[in-house]
N, C-alpha and C. Protein backbone atom coordinates (compact mmCIF):
# COMPACT_ATOMS: atom_id res chain seq x y z
N UNK A 1 10.74 8.12 10.08
CA UNK A 1 9.68 8.96 9.56
C UNK A 1 8.39 8.62 10.28
N UNK A 2 7.54 9.61 10.42
CA UNK A 2 6.23 9.46 11.01
C UNK A 2 5.20 9.89 9.98
N UNK A 3 4.29 8.98 9.65
CA UNK A 3 3.24 9.27 8.68
C UNK A 3 1.91 9.03 9.37
N UNK A 4 1.04 10.04 9.34
CA UNK A 4 -0.31 9.82 9.86
C UNK A 4 -1.26 9.62 8.68
N UNK A 5 -2.11 8.63 8.82
CA UNK A 5 -3.13 8.34 7.81
C UNK A 5 -4.46 8.66 8.46
N UNK A 6 -5.13 9.68 7.93
CA UNK A 6 -6.35 10.17 8.56
C UNK A 6 -7.50 10.21 7.58
N UNK A 7 -8.69 10.36 8.13
CA UNK A 7 -9.90 10.43 7.34
C UNK A 7 -11.05 9.84 8.12
N UNK A 8 -12.21 9.93 7.55
CA UNK A 8 -13.41 9.45 8.21
C UNK A 8 -13.48 7.93 8.24
N UNK A 9 -14.35 7.43 9.10
CA UNK A 9 -14.56 6.00 9.23
C UNK A 9 -15.04 5.42 7.90
N UNK A 10 -14.51 4.26 7.54
CA UNK A 10 -14.97 3.56 6.35
C UNK A 10 -14.37 4.02 5.03
N UNK A 11 -13.48 5.00 5.08
CA UNK A 11 -12.88 5.49 3.83
C UNK A 11 -11.75 4.60 3.32
N UNK A 12 -11.29 3.70 4.17
CA UNK A 12 -10.20 2.81 3.76
C UNK A 12 -8.86 3.20 4.33
N UNK A 13 -8.88 3.92 5.45
CA UNK A 13 -7.62 4.35 6.09
C UNK A 13 -6.72 3.17 6.39
N UNK A 14 -7.28 2.13 6.95
CA UNK A 14 -6.45 1.00 7.37
C UNK A 14 -5.83 0.31 6.17
N UNK A 15 -6.57 0.15 5.10
CA UNK A 15 -6.00 -0.44 3.88
C UNK A 15 -4.81 0.40 3.40
N UNK A 16 -5.02 1.70 3.32
CA UNK A 16 -3.96 2.61 2.86
C UNK A 16 -2.78 2.61 3.84
N UNK A 17 -3.09 2.65 5.14
CA UNK A 17 -2.03 2.65 6.15
C UNK A 17 -1.18 1.39 6.06
N UNK A 18 -1.82 0.25 5.85
CA UNK A 18 -1.06 -1.01 5.70
C UNK A 18 -0.15 -0.96 4.48
N UNK A 19 -0.67 -0.45 3.39
CA UNK A 19 0.14 -0.33 2.16
C UNK A 19 1.34 0.59 2.39
N UNK A 20 1.11 1.71 3.06
CA UNK A 20 2.20 2.65 3.34
C UNK A 20 3.22 2.02 4.28
N UNK A 21 2.73 1.33 5.30
CA UNK A 21 3.65 0.68 6.25
C UNK A 21 4.52 -0.35 5.54
N UNK A 22 3.92 -1.13 4.64
CA UNK A 22 4.71 -2.10 3.86
C UNK A 22 5.75 -1.38 3.01
N UNK A 23 5.32 -0.34 2.34
CA UNK A 23 6.19 0.38 1.40
C UNK A 23 7.36 1.07 2.13
N UNK A 24 7.13 1.52 3.35
CA UNK A 24 8.16 2.27 4.08
C UNK A 24 8.82 1.44 5.19
N UNK A 25 8.46 0.16 5.25
CA UNK A 25 8.98 -0.73 6.30
C UNK A 25 8.75 -0.10 7.68
N UNK A 26 7.52 0.30 7.92
CA UNK A 26 7.16 1.00 9.15
C UNK A 26 6.33 0.09 10.06
N UNK A 27 6.31 0.46 11.31
CA UNK A 27 5.42 -0.16 12.29
C UNK A 27 4.08 0.58 12.19
N UNK A 28 3.00 -0.18 12.10
CA UNK A 28 1.67 0.40 12.01
C UNK A 28 1.00 0.38 13.38
N UNK A 29 0.54 1.55 13.82
CA UNK A 29 -0.22 1.67 15.06
C UNK A 29 -1.62 2.18 14.72
N UNK A 30 -2.64 1.46 15.21
CA UNK A 30 -4.03 1.81 14.92
C UNK A 30 -4.78 2.11 16.21
N UNK A 31 -5.50 3.21 16.24
CA UNK A 31 -6.28 3.52 17.44
C UNK A 31 -7.33 2.44 17.71
N UNK A 32 -7.92 1.87 16.67
CA UNK A 32 -8.93 0.83 16.87
C UNK A 32 -8.35 -0.37 17.61
N UNK A 33 -7.14 -0.75 17.28
CA UNK A 33 -6.49 -1.89 17.92
C UNK A 33 -6.08 -1.54 19.35
N UNK A 34 -5.49 -0.38 19.52
CA UNK A 34 -5.05 0.06 20.85
C UNK A 34 -6.25 0.13 21.79
N UNK A 35 -7.36 0.67 21.31
CA UNK A 35 -8.58 0.78 22.13
C UNK A 35 -9.01 -0.60 22.63
N UNK A 36 -9.00 -1.60 21.75
CA UNK A 36 -9.42 -2.95 22.14
C UNK A 36 -8.41 -3.60 23.09
N UNK A 37 -7.14 -3.22 22.96
CA UNK A 37 -6.10 -3.78 23.83
C UNK A 37 -6.22 -3.28 25.27
N UNK A 38 -6.61 -2.02 25.44
CA UNK A 38 -6.54 -1.45 26.79
C UNK A 38 -7.89 -1.21 27.46
N UNK A 39 -8.99 -1.34 26.71
CA UNK A 39 -10.30 -1.12 27.29
C UNK A 39 -11.20 -2.35 27.14
N UNK A 40 -11.88 -2.70 28.20
CA UNK A 40 -12.85 -3.79 28.14
C UNK A 40 -14.16 -3.30 27.51
N UNK A 41 -14.55 -2.09 27.89
CA UNK A 41 -15.79 -1.48 27.40
C UNK A 41 -15.43 -0.11 26.85
N UNK A 42 -15.92 0.18 25.65
CA UNK A 42 -15.61 1.47 25.03
C UNK A 42 -16.84 2.36 25.05
N UNK A 43 -16.58 3.66 25.27
CA UNK A 43 -17.68 4.62 25.31
C UNK A 43 -17.51 5.73 24.28
N UNK A 44 -16.29 5.86 23.75
CA UNK A 44 -15.96 6.88 22.75
C UNK A 44 -16.24 8.30 23.25
N UNK A 45 -16.10 8.50 24.56
CA UNK A 45 -16.20 9.85 25.10
C UNK A 45 -14.97 10.64 24.63
N UNK A 46 -15.06 11.95 24.72
CA UNK A 46 -13.91 12.78 24.35
C UNK A 46 -12.67 12.43 25.14
N UNK A 47 -12.84 12.16 26.43
CA UNK A 47 -11.70 11.80 27.28
C UNK A 47 -11.10 10.46 26.84
N UNK A 48 -11.97 9.49 26.57
CA UNK A 48 -11.47 8.17 26.14
C UNK A 48 -10.70 8.29 24.82
N UNK A 49 -11.24 9.03 23.88
CA UNK A 49 -10.58 9.21 22.59
C UNK A 49 -9.19 9.82 22.79
N UNK A 50 -9.11 10.86 23.61
CA UNK A 50 -7.81 11.50 23.84
C UNK A 50 -6.84 10.58 24.57
N UNK A 51 -7.35 9.74 25.48
CA UNK A 51 -6.49 8.76 26.16
C UNK A 51 -5.90 7.77 25.15
N UNK A 52 -6.70 7.36 24.19
CA UNK A 52 -6.21 6.42 23.17
C UNK A 52 -5.15 7.10 22.30
N UNK A 53 -5.39 8.34 21.91
CA UNK A 53 -4.37 9.07 21.14
C UNK A 53 -3.07 9.20 21.93
N UNK A 54 -3.19 9.54 23.22
CA UNK A 54 -1.98 9.67 24.06
C UNK A 54 -1.20 8.36 24.10
N UNK A 55 -1.90 7.26 24.24
CA UNK A 55 -1.24 5.96 24.26
C UNK A 55 -0.56 5.67 22.91
N UNK A 56 -1.25 5.98 21.83
CA UNK A 56 -0.67 5.76 20.50
C UNK A 56 0.59 6.61 20.33
N UNK A 57 0.53 7.88 20.75
CA UNK A 57 1.69 8.76 20.63
C UNK A 57 2.85 8.26 21.50
N UNK A 58 2.55 7.73 22.66
CA UNK A 58 3.58 7.20 23.54
C UNK A 58 4.29 6.01 22.88
N UNK A 59 3.51 5.12 22.30
CA UNK A 59 4.09 3.97 21.60
C UNK A 59 4.91 4.43 20.40
N UNK A 60 4.37 5.39 19.66
CA UNK A 60 5.08 5.90 18.49
C UNK A 60 6.40 6.55 18.88
N UNK A 61 6.39 7.30 19.99
CA UNK A 61 7.61 7.96 20.44
C UNK A 61 8.72 6.95 20.71
N UNK A 62 8.37 5.87 21.40
CA UNK A 62 9.38 4.83 21.68
C UNK A 62 9.93 4.24 20.39
N UNK A 63 9.08 3.98 19.44
CA UNK A 63 9.51 3.41 18.16
C UNK A 63 10.40 4.38 17.39
N UNK A 64 9.99 5.64 17.35
CA UNK A 64 10.78 6.65 16.65
C UNK A 64 12.15 6.84 17.31
N UNK A 65 12.18 6.79 18.63
CA UNK A 65 13.46 6.90 19.34
C UNK A 65 14.38 5.71 19.02
N UNK A 66 13.76 4.58 18.67
CA UNK A 66 14.53 3.40 18.25
C UNK A 66 14.81 3.43 16.75
N UNK A 67 14.58 4.59 16.11
CA UNK A 67 14.87 4.82 14.69
C UNK A 67 14.04 3.93 13.76
N UNK A 68 12.80 3.69 14.16
CA UNK A 68 11.88 2.93 13.32
C UNK A 68 10.91 3.91 12.65
N UNK A 69 10.50 3.59 11.44
CA UNK A 69 9.45 4.34 10.77
C UNK A 69 8.12 3.94 11.39
N UNK A 70 7.20 4.90 11.50
CA UNK A 70 5.90 4.65 12.13
C UNK A 70 4.79 5.23 11.27
N UNK A 71 3.73 4.44 11.11
CA UNK A 71 2.51 4.90 10.45
C UNK A 71 1.40 4.84 11.50
N UNK A 72 0.69 5.96 11.67
CA UNK A 72 -0.42 6.04 12.61
C UNK A 72 -1.73 6.06 11.84
N UNK A 73 -2.62 5.13 12.17
CA UNK A 73 -3.92 4.99 11.52
C UNK A 73 -5.00 5.40 12.51
N UNK A 74 -5.60 6.57 12.27
CA UNK A 74 -6.66 7.09 13.13
C UNK A 74 -7.43 8.14 12.33
N UNK A 75 -8.58 8.52 12.82
CA UNK A 75 -9.33 9.54 12.08
C UNK A 75 -8.58 10.87 12.06
N UNK A 76 -7.89 11.20 13.15
CA UNK A 76 -7.23 12.52 13.26
C UNK A 76 -8.18 13.62 12.82
N UNK A 77 -9.43 13.53 13.27
CA UNK A 77 -10.45 14.49 12.88
C UNK A 77 -10.19 15.88 13.45
N UNK A 78 -9.45 15.93 14.55
CA UNK A 78 -9.20 17.21 15.21
C UNK A 78 -7.79 17.72 14.92
N UNK A 79 -7.69 18.99 14.68
CA UNK A 79 -6.39 19.62 14.41
C UNK A 79 -5.42 19.37 15.56
N UNK A 80 -5.92 19.39 16.80
CA UNK A 80 -5.05 19.23 17.95
C UNK A 80 -4.30 17.90 17.90
N UNK A 81 -4.93 16.83 17.42
CA UNK A 81 -4.24 15.54 17.34
C UNK A 81 -3.23 15.51 16.20
N UNK A 82 -3.56 16.16 15.10
CA UNK A 82 -2.58 16.25 14.00
C UNK A 82 -1.39 17.09 14.44
N UNK A 83 -1.64 18.14 15.20
CA UNK A 83 -0.55 18.98 15.72
C UNK A 83 0.32 18.20 16.70
N UNK A 84 -0.30 17.38 17.53
CA UNK A 84 0.47 16.55 18.47
C UNK A 84 1.37 15.58 17.72
N UNK A 85 0.87 15.03 16.63
CA UNK A 85 1.70 14.13 15.82
C UNK A 85 2.88 14.89 15.22
N UNK A 86 2.61 16.10 14.71
CA UNK A 86 3.70 16.91 14.15
C UNK A 86 4.72 17.24 15.24
N UNK A 87 4.26 17.61 16.42
CA UNK A 87 5.16 17.91 17.54
C UNK A 87 6.02 16.69 17.89
N UNK A 88 5.41 15.52 17.85
CA UNK A 88 6.16 14.29 18.12
C UNK A 88 7.26 14.09 17.08
N UNK A 89 6.95 14.36 15.83
CA UNK A 89 7.97 14.20 14.79
C UNK A 89 9.11 15.19 15.00
N UNK A 90 8.80 16.39 15.43
CA UNK A 90 9.84 17.39 15.68
C UNK A 90 10.71 16.97 16.85
N UNK A 91 10.08 16.51 17.93
CA UNK A 91 10.86 16.14 19.13
C UNK A 91 11.73 14.91 18.90
N UNK A 92 11.35 14.06 17.96
CA UNK A 92 12.14 12.86 17.68
C UNK A 92 12.96 13.00 16.40
N UNK A 93 12.90 14.20 15.81
CA UNK A 93 13.64 14.48 14.58
C UNK A 93 13.28 13.53 13.44
N UNK A 94 12.00 13.20 13.35
CA UNK A 94 11.50 12.32 12.30
C UNK A 94 10.84 13.15 11.20
N UNK A 95 11.02 12.73 9.96
CA UNK A 95 10.27 13.34 8.86
C UNK A 95 8.78 13.10 9.11
N UNK A 96 7.94 14.02 8.66
CA UNK A 96 6.51 13.96 8.96
C UNK A 96 5.69 14.15 7.70
N UNK A 97 4.66 13.31 7.55
CA UNK A 97 3.73 13.45 6.43
C UNK A 97 2.32 13.15 6.90
N UNK A 98 1.38 13.83 6.27
CA UNK A 98 -0.04 13.57 6.51
C UNK A 98 -0.62 13.01 5.22
N UNK A 99 -1.33 11.89 5.35
CA UNK A 99 -2.05 11.30 4.23
C UNK A 99 -3.52 11.27 4.62
N UNK A 100 -4.34 11.94 3.82
CA UNK A 100 -5.78 11.93 4.06
C UNK A 100 -6.43 10.97 3.07
N UNK A 101 -7.23 10.06 3.60
CA UNK A 101 -7.95 9.11 2.75
C UNK A 101 -9.39 9.59 2.64
N UNK A 102 -9.85 9.74 1.41
CA UNK A 102 -11.23 10.16 1.15
C UNK A 102 -11.91 9.08 0.31
N UNK A 103 -13.23 9.12 0.31
CA UNK A 103 -13.99 8.11 -0.42
C UNK A 103 -15.41 8.63 -0.62
N UNK A 104 -16.01 8.28 -1.73
CA UNK A 104 -17.39 8.70 -2.02
C UNK A 104 -18.36 8.07 -1.03
N UNK A 105 -19.35 8.85 -0.60
CA UNK A 105 -20.32 8.38 0.40
C UNK A 105 -20.96 7.03 0.06
N UNK A 106 -21.44 6.81 -1.18
CA UNK A 106 -22.08 5.51 -1.46
C UNK A 106 -21.11 4.33 -1.31
N UNK A 107 -19.86 4.54 -1.62
CA UNK A 107 -18.86 3.48 -1.46
C UNK A 107 -18.61 3.21 0.02
N UNK A 108 -18.51 4.27 0.81
CA UNK A 108 -18.33 4.12 2.25
C UNK A 108 -19.51 3.35 2.84
N UNK A 109 -20.72 3.73 2.46
CA UNK A 109 -21.91 3.06 3.00
C UNK A 109 -21.88 1.57 2.69
N UNK A 110 -21.56 1.22 1.46
CA UNK A 110 -21.49 -0.19 1.06
C UNK A 110 -20.42 -0.93 1.86
N UNK A 111 -19.25 -0.32 1.99
CA UNK A 111 -18.15 -0.97 2.71
C UNK A 111 -18.49 -1.17 4.18
N UNK A 112 -19.06 -0.15 4.81
CA UNK A 112 -19.35 -0.26 6.23
C UNK A 112 -20.46 -1.28 6.51
N UNK A 113 -21.41 -1.41 5.60
CA UNK A 113 -22.46 -2.42 5.78
C UNK A 113 -21.91 -3.83 5.64
N UNK A 114 -20.81 -3.97 4.90
CA UNK A 114 -20.21 -5.29 4.69
C UNK A 114 -19.02 -5.57 5.57
N UNK A 115 -18.74 -4.73 6.53
CA UNK A 115 -17.54 -4.87 7.38
C UNK A 115 -17.79 -5.90 8.48
N UNK A 116 -16.93 -6.90 8.50
CA UNK A 116 -16.98 -7.94 9.54
C UNK A 116 -15.57 -8.27 9.96
N UNK A 117 -15.39 -8.55 11.25
CA UNK A 117 -14.11 -9.03 11.73
C UNK A 117 -13.02 -7.99 11.82
N UNK A 118 -13.37 -6.71 11.75
CA UNK A 118 -12.39 -5.64 11.88
C UNK A 118 -12.48 -5.06 13.28
N UNK A 119 -11.41 -4.44 13.72
CA UNK A 119 -11.39 -3.87 15.07
C UNK A 119 -12.28 -2.64 15.20
N UNK A 120 -12.60 -2.00 14.09
CA UNK A 120 -13.42 -0.78 14.16
C UNK A 120 -14.87 -1.11 14.48
N UNK A 121 -15.48 -0.25 15.28
CA UNK A 121 -16.89 -0.40 15.64
C UNK A 121 -17.80 0.51 14.80
N UNK A 122 -17.22 1.29 13.92
CA UNK A 122 -17.98 2.34 13.23
C UNK A 122 -18.87 1.78 12.12
N UNK A 123 -20.09 2.29 12.10
CA UNK A 123 -21.02 2.02 11.01
C UNK A 123 -21.26 3.30 10.21
N UNK A 124 -22.14 3.21 9.21
CA UNK A 124 -22.38 4.37 8.35
C UNK A 124 -23.01 5.52 9.14
N UNK A 125 -23.78 5.20 10.16
CA UNK A 125 -24.37 6.25 11.00
C UNK A 125 -23.28 7.06 11.69
N UNK A 126 -22.22 6.40 12.15
CA UNK A 126 -21.09 7.09 12.78
C UNK A 126 -20.37 7.96 11.75
N UNK A 127 -20.18 7.42 10.56
CA UNK A 127 -19.55 8.18 9.47
C UNK A 127 -20.32 9.49 9.21
N UNK A 128 -21.63 9.38 9.07
CA UNK A 128 -22.44 10.57 8.79
C UNK A 128 -22.40 11.57 9.95
N UNK A 129 -22.39 11.06 11.18
CA UNK A 129 -22.32 11.92 12.36
C UNK A 129 -20.99 12.66 12.43
N UNK A 130 -19.91 11.96 12.07
CA UNK A 130 -18.57 12.54 12.20
C UNK A 130 -18.16 13.42 11.02
N UNK A 131 -18.79 13.23 9.89
CA UNK A 131 -18.40 13.97 8.68
C UNK A 131 -18.35 15.49 8.90
N UNK A 132 -19.39 16.11 9.47
CA UNK A 132 -19.31 17.57 9.65
C UNK A 132 -18.35 17.99 10.77
N UNK A 133 -17.90 17.05 11.58
CA UNK A 133 -17.01 17.37 12.70
C UNK A 133 -15.53 17.28 12.32
N UNK A 134 -15.23 16.72 11.15
CA UNK A 134 -13.84 16.58 10.72
C UNK A 134 -13.28 17.96 10.39
N UNK A 135 -12.27 18.36 11.15
CA UNK A 135 -11.67 19.68 10.95
C UNK A 135 -10.76 19.65 9.73
N UNK A 136 -10.95 20.56 8.78
CA UNK A 136 -10.18 20.54 7.54
C UNK A 136 -8.66 20.57 7.80
N UNK A 137 -7.94 19.95 6.90
CA UNK A 137 -6.48 19.93 6.98
C UNK A 137 -5.97 21.13 6.18
N UNK A 138 -5.40 22.08 6.87
CA UNK A 138 -4.96 23.32 6.24
C UNK A 138 -3.55 23.21 5.66
N UNK A 139 -2.77 22.31 6.20
CA UNK A 139 -1.38 22.23 5.76
C UNK A 139 -1.23 21.28 4.56
N UNK A 140 -0.08 21.35 3.94
CA UNK A 140 0.21 20.50 2.79
C UNK A 140 0.10 19.03 3.20
N UNK A 141 -0.58 18.24 2.38
CA UNK A 141 -0.72 16.82 2.66
C UNK A 141 -1.07 16.06 1.39
N UNK A 142 -0.97 14.76 1.48
CA UNK A 142 -1.29 13.87 0.36
C UNK A 142 -2.73 13.42 0.52
N UNK A 143 -3.49 13.39 -0.58
CA UNK A 143 -4.86 12.91 -0.56
C UNK A 143 -4.94 11.65 -1.42
N UNK A 144 -5.45 10.59 -0.84
CA UNK A 144 -5.68 9.34 -1.56
C UNK A 144 -7.18 9.14 -1.65
N UNK A 145 -7.70 9.07 -2.89
CA UNK A 145 -9.12 8.82 -3.10
C UNK A 145 -9.32 7.31 -3.24
N UNK A 146 -9.95 6.73 -2.24
CA UNK A 146 -10.12 5.29 -2.18
C UNK A 146 -11.52 4.87 -2.63
N UNK A 147 -12.10 5.61 -3.58
CA UNK A 147 -13.45 5.31 -4.06
C UNK A 147 -13.45 4.21 -5.11
N UNK A 148 -12.30 3.98 -5.73
CA UNK A 148 -12.23 3.02 -6.84
C UNK A 148 -11.77 1.64 -6.39
N UNK A 149 -11.03 1.00 -7.29
CA UNK A 149 -10.55 -0.36 -7.02
C UNK A 149 -9.31 -0.33 -6.13
N UNK A 150 -8.98 -1.47 -5.57
CA UNK A 150 -7.77 -1.58 -4.77
C UNK A 150 -6.55 -1.25 -5.62
N UNK A 151 -6.57 -1.66 -6.86
CA UNK A 151 -5.45 -1.39 -7.76
C UNK A 151 -5.26 0.11 -7.97
N UNK A 152 -6.37 0.84 -8.11
CA UNK A 152 -6.29 2.30 -8.27
C UNK A 152 -5.74 2.96 -7.01
N UNK A 153 -6.19 2.46 -5.86
CA UNK A 153 -5.68 2.99 -4.59
C UNK A 153 -4.20 2.67 -4.46
N UNK A 154 -3.82 1.44 -4.76
CA UNK A 154 -2.40 1.04 -4.70
C UNK A 154 -1.53 1.94 -5.58
N UNK A 155 -2.02 2.25 -6.77
CA UNK A 155 -1.27 3.13 -7.68
C UNK A 155 -1.07 4.51 -7.05
N UNK A 156 -2.11 5.04 -6.42
CA UNK A 156 -1.98 6.34 -5.77
C UNK A 156 -0.95 6.29 -4.63
N UNK A 157 -1.01 5.23 -3.84
CA UNK A 157 -0.04 5.09 -2.75
C UNK A 157 1.38 4.99 -3.32
N UNK A 158 1.55 4.18 -4.33
CA UNK A 158 2.88 3.96 -4.90
C UNK A 158 3.47 5.22 -5.54
N UNK A 159 2.62 6.09 -6.07
CA UNK A 159 3.14 7.30 -6.71
C UNK A 159 3.23 8.48 -5.74
N UNK A 160 2.56 8.37 -4.57
CA UNK A 160 2.52 9.48 -3.64
C UNK A 160 3.49 9.35 -2.46
N UNK A 161 3.83 8.12 -2.12
CA UNK A 161 4.62 7.85 -0.92
C UNK A 161 6.04 7.50 -1.34
N UNK A 162 6.97 7.96 -0.53
CA UNK A 162 8.41 7.74 -0.80
C UNK A 162 8.67 6.31 -1.21
């Protein structure tokens, strides 16, 4: 199975993605980690972002071909990247799900101001800049509201994911 966990920076995608990966015994691939692995200096240009997605999809394809479950943790702000993930699931005959993580703005701001030691470079200014650019998800998907406690988020994951 291929599950993409998407949403804006600071909403708690990585927390949710880790929980889903544990629950489904999946390999977790994160764009933030891949970016740090392959680039010395990051610019977040459109080309760089797409290169990172391509690398993530390439890694996911190999894992899916080896019959492993995969969870992809990225903003997936653009429909084209969500479509590429769906195409990958079709070509590898993997079940496909989209999980969108949302969170209230004040909670995101607090979390991003307190973020240390994570691979992500995003601050609240990036969140605000990207918010109007996130292309709505038109297809059926799961929404996890990560505005509350970890326990509340865990309950949503446990009741929403296989």
